[in-house]
Amino acid sequence: MSQGPAARTPSDFNAPQPIERLEFVRLLAPLSILGFLSSRLVHVEHWLTSVGFVVPPRAFADYRQPLYIPPIPVWLAFLVAIATVLSGLATSLGYRTRWASGIFAALLAYLALADRLEAFTVSKLGTVVAIALFASPAGARFSVDAWLRCRQKPETRLPTHVQWGNVRFFQALLAFMYLGSGIAKWKGGWPSDPHVIWSHLHSSYQTGFTYFLASTVPAAGFTLFQYLTLVYEMGAPIWFGLRRLRPVGLAFGLAMHASIGLMFGPVVWFSLLMMVLLLGSFAPLPWLTRPLEAAWAKVTEIVGASSVSLSKAARG
């Protein structure tokens, strides 16, 4: 539930949070998720139906295949693809946000379970993000829903803050996701093998930028980046838990994900999604307010012009 400006100091953990943080995630996270899914949705008949390869049912469920979902008819697969795109775009625009985000979350959950071989980090993280948006007052501001409310009732005062949990969830999600990744890297041999990232540069994900870096930067530079990444992820609760260190955590995180997106081509959508979550959770508020206000002005201009055109057409 949304509410007015915070009565307590911003340092209070459970103080109301600026709604811009929530709306920034609502606007851009669905677009990153749809970008990841686009290469799969255009071939949806080979993904979700018996036209392509389908993982066979297992006699016993395990964590890799917790639920077996049989293939669906081709016509239904196309409907799923269309509904996923439309609900994701509607969530981003903030049109019928509660319904749109709920449908988007349900479809993302289905897509993540229907073919576990295609369920990468964005599939799972995107589902969690969509569920969190559905459970929040996302769309209360900087959205088509907000524009429609103001148009129907000009005296409407749009909320400026939301309850703390709507923002703290994303902040905690990032901190503990990084921590889990750091622990996995630690157990996976990162401290003892200084050439992990160097070896990754030569994989099938290599881009032209990767080739340039591998040809010009000494191998020791990638070893340094490897250990800095490990320190960053293992210490994420500290970087983001202490207010004075948050700018450091934000800057390193953005730089890290920008590097990942540039060096490992297919991972770009994961990098964009993580950067959206980082900015929405920890960026200085003016960084979010200005683009949101610009987007809000553009949306109201487009929607307003469309409604005027429809009214003229109806009268004519």
Foldseek 3Di string as FASTA:
>chain_A
DFDAAWPDDPVDLFTWAFCLLLLLLQQPLLVLLCVLCVVCLVVQCQQQAPVHDFDDDDPDADPLQNDEDHGDDPVVSNVLSVLLVVLSNCSNQLNVNLVSLVSNLVSLVCSCNHHVVSNDPSSVVVSVSSVLSNVFPHSLPLHPVVLVVCVVPVVDDGHGTGTSVSQVVLLVVVLVVLQVVLVCCVVVQLVPDLCPVVVVLPDPQFDPVSVVCNVPPDSVVSSVVSVVSSCLSNCSCVCSVDLVNVVVNLVVLLVVLVVCCNGGPSCVSVSSSSNSSSCSRRNPPVVSVVVSVVSSVVVCVVVVVVVVVVVVVVVD
